[in-house]
Amino acid sequence: MYVNYDLMIEHAKGELDRSIKELRFYRMYTSKLETGFTRKENIRNLQNRKRMLEQRVQMLKEQKNAQ
């Protein structure tokens, strides 16, 4: 079965870029709006999402090279 890894990698990179921008925006503009615990929890979730997407891009690159 043929899998278009280039398309999948580009899509994952787009999601990664979007999550990085979202994390930056959240850090910049929510300091006065949310309490410490809620803000930390949301930042932690956004960082975990960013890490997951980085791993996904890396995994797709490895799978593409292995093929």
PDB file of N, CA and C in Angstrom:
ATOM      1  N   MET A   1       0.832  -1.171   0.000  1.00  0.00           N
ATOM      2  CA  MET A   1       0.000   0.000   0.000  1.00  0.00           C
ATOM      3  C   MET A   1       0.888   1.249   0.000  1.00  0.00           C
ATOM      4  N   TYR A   2       0.574   2.183  -0.863  1.00  0.00           N
ATOM      5  CA  TYR A   2       1.356   3.407  -0.977  1.00  0.00           C
ATOM      6  C   TYR A   2       0.868   4.440   0.041  1.00  0.00           C
ATOM      7  N   VAL A   3       1.820   5.001   0.773  1.00  0.00           N
ATOM      8  CA  VAL A   3       1.501   6.039   1.752  1.00  0.00           C
ATOM      9  C   VAL A   3       2.273   7.295   1.359  1.00  0.00           C
ATOM     10  N   ASN A   4       1.596   8.410   1.265  1.00  0.00           N
ATOM     11  CA  ASN A   4       2.236   9.666   0.909  1.00  0.00           C
ATOM     12  C   ASN A   4       2.779  10.322   2.184  1.00  0.00           C
ATOM     13  N   TYR A   5       4.021   9.970   2.507  1.00  0.00           N
ATOM     14  CA  TYR A   5       4.625  10.490   3.734  1.00  0.00           C
ATOM     15  C   TYR A   5       4.888  11.986   3.648  1.00  0.00           C
ATOM     16  N   ASP A   6       5.216  12.479   2.464  1.00  0.00           N
ATOM     17  CA  ASP A   6       5.483  13.910   2.328  1.00  0.00           C
ATOM     18  C   ASP A   6       4.271  14.742   2.733  1.00  0.00           C
ATOM     19  N   LEU A   7       3.097  14.319   2.285  1.00  0.00           N
ATOM     20  CA  LEU A   7       1.871  15.029   2.625  1.00  0.00           C
ATOM     21  C   LEU A   7       1.589  14.932   4.131  1.00  0.00           C
ATOM     22  N   MET A   8       1.779  13.761   4.690  1.00  0.00           N
ATOM     23  CA  MET A   8       1.550  13.579   6.124  1.00  0.00           C
ATOM     24  C   MET A   8       2.522  14.415   6.951  1.00  0.00           C
ATOM     25  N   ILE A   9       3.788  14.479   6.525  1.00  0.00           N
ATOM     26  CA  ILE A   9       4.792  15.259   7.248  1.00  0.00           C
ATOM     27  C   ILE A   9       4.456  16.741   7.173  1.00  0.00           C
ATOM     28  N   GLU A  10       4.068  17.216   6.008  1.00  0.00           N
ATOM     29  CA  GLU A  10       3.713  18.635   5.869  1.00  0.00           C
ATOM     30  C   GLU A  10       2.500  18.994   6.722  1.00  0.00           C
ATOM     31  N   HIS A  11       1.526  18.104   6.766  1.00  0.00           N
ATOM     32  CA  HIS A  11       0.345  18.346   7.599  1.00  0.00           C
ATOM     33  C   HIS A  11       0.730  18.399   9.077  1.00  0.00           C
ATOM     34  N   ALA A  12       1.571  17.464   9.516  1.00  0.00           N
ATOM     35  CA  ALA A  12       2.006  17.431  10.917  1.00  0.00           C
ATOM     36  C   ALA A  12       2.843  18.667  11.251  1.00  0.00           C
ATOM     37  N   LYS A  13       3.679  19.112  10.306  1.00  0.00           N
ATOM     38  CA  LYS A  13       4.462  20.327  10.540  1.00  0.00           C
ATOM     39  C   LYS A  13       3.557  21.542  10.659  1.00  0.00           C
ATOM     40  N   GLY A  14       2.511  21.593   9.860  1.00  0.00           N
ATOM     41  CA  GLY A  14       1.550  22.689   9.961  1.00  0.00           C
ATOM     42  C   GLY A  14       0.866  22.716  11.313  1.00  0.00           C
ATOM     43  N   GLU A  15       0.474  21.546  11.800  1.00  0.00           N
ATOM     44  CA  GLU A  15      -0.133  21.458  13.127  1.00  0.00           C
ATOM     45  C   GLU A  15       0.856  21.870  14.203  1.00  0.00           C
ATOM     46  N   LEU A  16       2.120  21.468  14.037  1.00  0.00           N
ATOM     47  CA  LEU A  16       3.156  21.829  15.002  1.00  0.00           C
ATOM     48  C   LEU A  16       3.362  23.334  15.033  1.00  0.00           C
ATOM     49  N   ASP A  17       3.442  23.960  13.882  1.00  0.00           N
ATOM     50  CA  ASP A  17       3.592  25.415  13.831  1.00  0.00           C
ATOM     51  C   ASP A  17       2.409  26.110  14.495  1.00  0.00           C
ATOM     52  N   ARG A  18       1.227  25.605  14.235  1.00  0.00           N
ATOM     53  CA  ARG A  18       0.028  26.185  14.837  1.00  0.00           C
ATOM     54  C   ARG A  18       0.054  26.044  16.362  1.00  0.00           C
ATOM     55  N   SER A  19       0.509  24.899  16.858  1.00  0.00           N
ATOM     56  CA  SER A  19       0.544  24.697  18.306  1.00  0.00           C
ATOM     57  C   SER A  19       1.609  25.568  18.961  1.00  0.00           C
ATOM     58  N   ILE A  20       2.732  25.802  18.265  1.00  0.00           N
ATOM     59  CA  ILE A  20       3.768  26.685  18.803  1.00  0.00           C
ATOM     60  C   ILE A  20       3.242  28.113  18.902  1.00  0.00           C
ATOM     61  N   LYS A  21       2.555  28.573  17.866  1.00  0.00           N
ATOM     62  CA  LYS A  21       1.976  29.918  17.893  1.00  0.00           C
ATOM     63  C   LYS A  21       0.931  30.043  18.992  1.00  0.00           C
ATOM     64  N   GLU A  22       0.117  29.011  19.143  1.00  0.00           N
ATOM     65  CA  GLU A  22      -0.921  29.018  20.170  1.00  0.00           C
ATOM     66  C   GLU A  22      -0.303  29.093  21.563  1.00  0.00           C
ATOM     67  N   LEU A  23       0.783  28.352  21.780  1.00  0.00           N
ATOM     68  CA  LEU A  23       1.463  28.362  23.073  1.00  0.00           C
ATOM     69  C   LEU A  23       2.063  29.736  23.348  1.00  0.00           C
ATOM     70  N   ARG A  24       2.700  30.337  22.365  1.00  0.00           N
ATOM     71  CA  ARG A  24       3.266  31.687  22.532  1.00  0.00           C
ATOM     72  C   ARG A  24       2.185  32.702  22.846  1.00  0.00           C
ATOM     73  N   PHE A  25       1.102  32.650  22.092  1.00  0.00           N
ATOM     74  CA  PHE A  25      -0.005  33.575  22.307  1.00  0.00           C
ATOM     75  C   PHE A  25      -0.570  33.408  23.711  1.00  0.00           C
ATOM     76  N   TYR A  26      -0.758  32.169  24.126  1.00  0.00           N
ATOM     77  CA  TYR A  26      -1.337  31.903  25.448  1.00  0.00           C
ATOM     78  C   TYR A  26      -0.430  32.440  26.547  1.00  0.00           C
ATOM     79  N   ARG A  27       0.873  32.205  26.415  1.00  0.00           N
ATOM     80  CA  ARG A  27       1.804  32.697  27.424  1.00  0.00           C
ATOM     81  C   ARG A  27       1.817  34.222  27.492  1.00  0.00           C
ATOM     82  N   MET A  28       1.714  34.861  26.342  1.00  0.00           N
ATOM     83  CA  MET A  28       1.796  36.324  26.299  1.00  0.00           C
ATOM     84  C   MET A  28       0.570  37.010  26.868  1.00  0.00           C
ATOM     85  N   TYR A  29      -0.604  36.508  26.512  1.00  0.00           N
ATOM     86  CA  TYR A  29      -1.817  37.285  26.752  1.00  0.00           C
ATOM     87  C   TYR A  29      -2.738  36.775  27.853  1.00  0.00           C
ATOM     88  N   THR A  30      -2.369  35.750  28.577  1.00  0.00           N
ATOM     89  CA  THR A  30      -3.291  35.254  29.602  1.00  0.00           C
ATOM     90  C   THR A  30      -2.767  35.415  31.015  1.00  0.00           C
ATOM     91  N   SER A  31      -1.650  36.089  31.191  1.00  0.00           N
ATOM     92  CA  SER A  31      -1.063  36.175  32.531  1.00  0.00           C
ATOM     93  C   SER A  31      -1.990  36.868  33.534  1.00  0.00           C
ATOM     94  N   LYS A  32      -2.751  37.840  33.096  1.00  0.00           N
ATOM     95  CA  LYS A  32      -3.615  38.579  34.024  1.00  0.00           C
ATOM     96  C   LYS A  32      -5.054  38.066  34.028  1.00  0.00           C
ATOM     97  N   LEU A  33      -5.352  37.146  33.127  1.00  0.00           N
ATOM     98  CA  LEU A  33      -6.732  36.688  33.015  1.00  0.00           C
ATOM     99  C   LEU A  33      -7.028  35.441  33.832  1.00  0.00           C
ATOM    100  N   GLU A  34      -6.027  34.592  34.040  1.00  0.00           N
ATOM    101  CA  GLU A  34      -6.279  33.319  34.708  1.00  0.00           C
ATOM    102  C   GLU A  34      -5.434  33.194  35.968  1.00  0.00           C
ATOM    103  N   THR A  35      -5.907  32.362  36.882  1.00  0.00           N
ATOM    104  CA  THR A  35      -5.153  32.118  38.112  1.00  0.00           C
ATOM    105  C   THR A  35      -3.931  31.258  37.806  1.00  0.00           C
ATOM    106  N   GLY A  36      -3.015  31.200  38.742  1.00  0.00           N
ATOM    107  CA  GLY A  36      -1.751  30.499  38.536  1.00  0.00           C
ATOM    108  C   GLY A  36      -1.906  29.036  38.189  1.00  0.00           C
ATOM    109  N   PHE A  37      -2.715  28.309  38.952  1.00  0.00           N
ATOM    110  CA  PHE A  37      -2.835  26.870  38.722  1.00  0.00           C
ATOM    111  C   PHE A  37      -3.463  26.569  37.366  1.00  0.00           C
ATOM    112  N   THR A  38      -4.536  27.266  37.037  1.00  0.00           N
ATOM    113  CA  THR A  38      -5.220  27.040  35.758  1.00  0.00           C
ATOM    114  C   THR A  38      -4.300  27.357  34.599  1.00  0.00           C
ATOM    115  N   ARG A  39      -3.584  28.446  34.707  1.00  0.00           N
ATOM    116  CA  ARG A  39      -2.671  28.854  33.637  1.00  0.00           C
ATOM    117  C   ARG A  39      -1.543  27.835  33.470  1.00  0.00           C
ATOM    118  N   LYS A  40      -0.977  27.388  34.588  1.00  0.00           N
ATOM    119  CA  LYS A  40       0.093  26.393  34.518  1.00  0.00           C
ATOM    120  C   LYS A  40      -0.397  25.092  33.900  1.00  0.00           C
ATOM    121  N   GLU A  41      -1.584  24.695  34.277  1.00  0.00           N
ATOM    122  CA  GLU A  41      -2.156  23.455  33.747  1.00  0.00           C
ATOM    123  C   GLU A  41      -2.375  23.565  32.236  1.00  0.00           C
ATOM    124  N   ASN A  42      -2.895  24.683  31.789  1.00  0.00           N
ATOM    125  CA  ASN A  42      -3.121  24.881  30.357  1.00  0.00           C
ATOM    126  C   ASN A  42      -1.812  24.963  29.583  1.00  0.00           C
ATOM    127  N   ILE A  43      -0.818  25.632  30.153  1.00  0.00           N
ATOM    128  CA  ILE A  43       0.499  25.696  29.504  1.00  0.00           C
ATOM    129  C   ILE A  43       1.098  24.306  29.424  1.00  0.00           C
ATOM    130  N   ARG A  44       0.961  23.525  30.470  1.00  0.00           N
ATOM    131  CA  ARG A  44       1.476  22.153  30.470  1.00  0.00           C
ATOM    132  C   ARG A  44       0.800  21.317  29.382  1.00  0.00           C
ATOM    133  N   ASN A  45      -0.503  21.466  29.232  1.00  0.00           N
ATOM    134  CA  ASN A  45      -1.224  20.734  28.183  1.00  0.00           C
ATOM    135  C   ASN A  45      -0.777  21.158  26.793  1.00  0.00           C
ATOM    136  N   LEU A  46      -0.572  22.456  26.595  1.00  0.00           N
ATOM    137  CA  LEU A  46      -0.109  22.942  25.295  1.00  0.00           C
ATOM    138  C   LEU A  46       1.308  22.459  24.992  1.00  0.00           C
ATOM    139  N   GLN A  47       2.166  22.411  26.010  1.00  0.00           N
ATOM    140  CA  GLN A  47       3.522  21.918  25.816  1.00  0.00           C
ATOM    141  C   GLN A  47       3.517  20.428  25.489  1.00  0.00           C
ATOM    142  N   ASN A  48       2.662  19.677  26.146  1.00  0.00           N
ATOM    143  CA  ASN A  48       2.548  18.243  25.853  1.00  0.00           C
ATOM    144  C   ASN A  48       2.071  18.020  24.423  1.00  0.00           C
ATOM    145  N   ARG A  49       1.131  18.832  23.971  1.00  0.00           N
ATOM    146  CA  ARG A  49       0.653  18.723  22.587  1.00  0.00           C
ATOM    147  C   ARG A  49       1.774  19.024  21.604  1.00  0.00           C
ATOM    148  N   LYS A  50       2.563  20.056  21.909  1.00  0.00           N
ATOM    149  CA  LYS A  50       3.682  20.425  21.047  1.00  0.00           C
ATOM    150  C   LYS A  50       4.706  19.293  20.984  1.00  0.00           C
ATOM    151  N   ARG A  51       5.029  18.706  22.130  1.00  0.00           N
ATOM    152  CA  ARG A  51       5.978  17.583  22.156  1.00  0.00           C
ATOM    153  C   ARG A  51       5.456  16.389  21.375  1.00  0.00           C
ATOM    154  N   MET A  52       4.155  16.104  21.515  1.00  0.00           N
ATOM    155  CA  MET A  52       3.553  14.988  20.798  1.00  0.00           C
ATOM    156  C   MET A  52       3.651  15.204  19.293  1.00  0.00           C
ATOM    157  N   LEU A  53       3.408  16.416  18.846  1.00  0.00           N
ATOM    158  CA  LEU A  53       3.487  16.711  17.417  1.00  0.00           C
ATOM    159  C   LEU A  53       4.930  16.644  16.914  1.00  0.00           C
ATOM    160  N   GLU A  54       5.894  17.077  17.738  1.00  0.00           N
ATOM    161  CA  GLU A  54       7.303  16.955  17.355  1.00  0.00           C
ATOM    162  C   GLU A  54       7.682  15.483  17.182  1.00  0.00           C
ATOM    163  N   GLN A  55       7.227  14.649  18.111  1.00  0.00           N
ATOM    164  CA  GLN A  55       7.498  13.214  18.012  1.00  0.00           C
ATOM    165  C   GLN A  55       6.828  12.608  16.790  1.00  0.00           C
ATOM    166  N   ARG A  56       5.639  13.078  16.477  1.00  0.00           N
ATOM    167  CA  ARG A  56       4.912  12.571  15.319  1.00  0.00           C
ATOM    168  C   ARG A  56       5.646  12.895  14.018  1.00  0.00           C
ATOM    169  N   VAL A  57       6.159  14.128  13.912  1.00  0.00           N
ATOM    170  CA  VAL A  57       6.917  14.520  12.728  1.00  0.00           C
ATOM    171  C   VAL A  57       8.173  13.666  12.618  1.00  0.00           C
ATOM    172  N   GLN A  58       8.879  13.486  13.725  1.00  0.00           N
ATOM    173  CA  GLN A  58      10.099  12.683  13.721  1.00  0.00           C
ATOM    174  C   GLN A  58       9.803  11.235  13.324  1.00  0.00           C
ATOM    175  N   MET A  59       8.729  10.670  13.858  1.00  0.00           N
ATOM    176  CA  MET A  59       8.362   9.295  13.543  1.00  0.00           C
ATOM    177  C   MET A  59       8.029   9.142  12.057  1.00  0.00           C
ATOM    178  N   LEU A  60       7.299  10.112  11.507  1.00  0.00           N
ATOM    179  CA  LEU A  60       6.954  10.047  10.083  1.00  0.00           C
ATOM    180  C   LEU A  60       8.194  10.147   9.208  1.00  0.00           C
ATOM    181  N   LYS A  61       9.149  10.994   9.604  1.00  0.00           N
ATOM    182  CA  LYS A  61      10.398  11.085   8.840  1.00  0.00           C
ATOM    183  C   LYS A  61      11.163   9.766   8.873  1.00  0.00           C
ATOM    184  N   GLU A  62      11.192   9.132  10.038  1.00  0.00           N
ATOM    185  CA  GLU A  62      11.884   7.839  10.159  1.00  0.00           C
ATOM    186  C   GLU A  62      11.199   6.771   9.332  1.00  0.00           C
ATOM    187  N   GLN A  63       9.876   6.751   9.333  1.00  0.00           N
ATOM    188  CA  GLN A  63       9.143   5.774   8.554  1.00  0.00           C
ATOM    189  C   GLN A  63       9.365   5.999   7.051  1.00  0.00           C
ATOM    190  N   LYS A  64       9.438   7.266   6.659  1.00  0.00           N
ATOM    191  CA  LYS A  64       9.671   7.581   5.261  1.00  0.00           C
ATOM    192  C   LYS A  64      11.057   7.112   4.841  1.00  0.00           C
ATOM    193  N   ASN A  65      12.054   7.314   5.671  1.00  0.00           N
ATOM    194  CA  ASN A  65      13.412   6.901   5.364  1.00  0.00           C
ATOM    195  C   ASN A  65      13.552   5.373   5.371  1.00  0.00           C
ATOM    196  N   ALA A  66      12.784   4.705   6.198  1.00  0.00           N
ATOM    197  CA  ALA A  66      12.856   3.246   6.286  1.00  0.00           C
ATOM    198  C   ALA A  66      12.206   2.577   5.067  1.00  0.00           C
ATOM    199  N   GLN A  67      11.354   3.297   4.401  1.00  0.00           N
ATOM    200  CA  GLN A  67      10.602   2.710   3.282  1.00  0.00           C
ATOM    201  C   GLN A  67      11.434   2.579   2.063  1.00  0.00           C
TER     202      GLN A  67
END
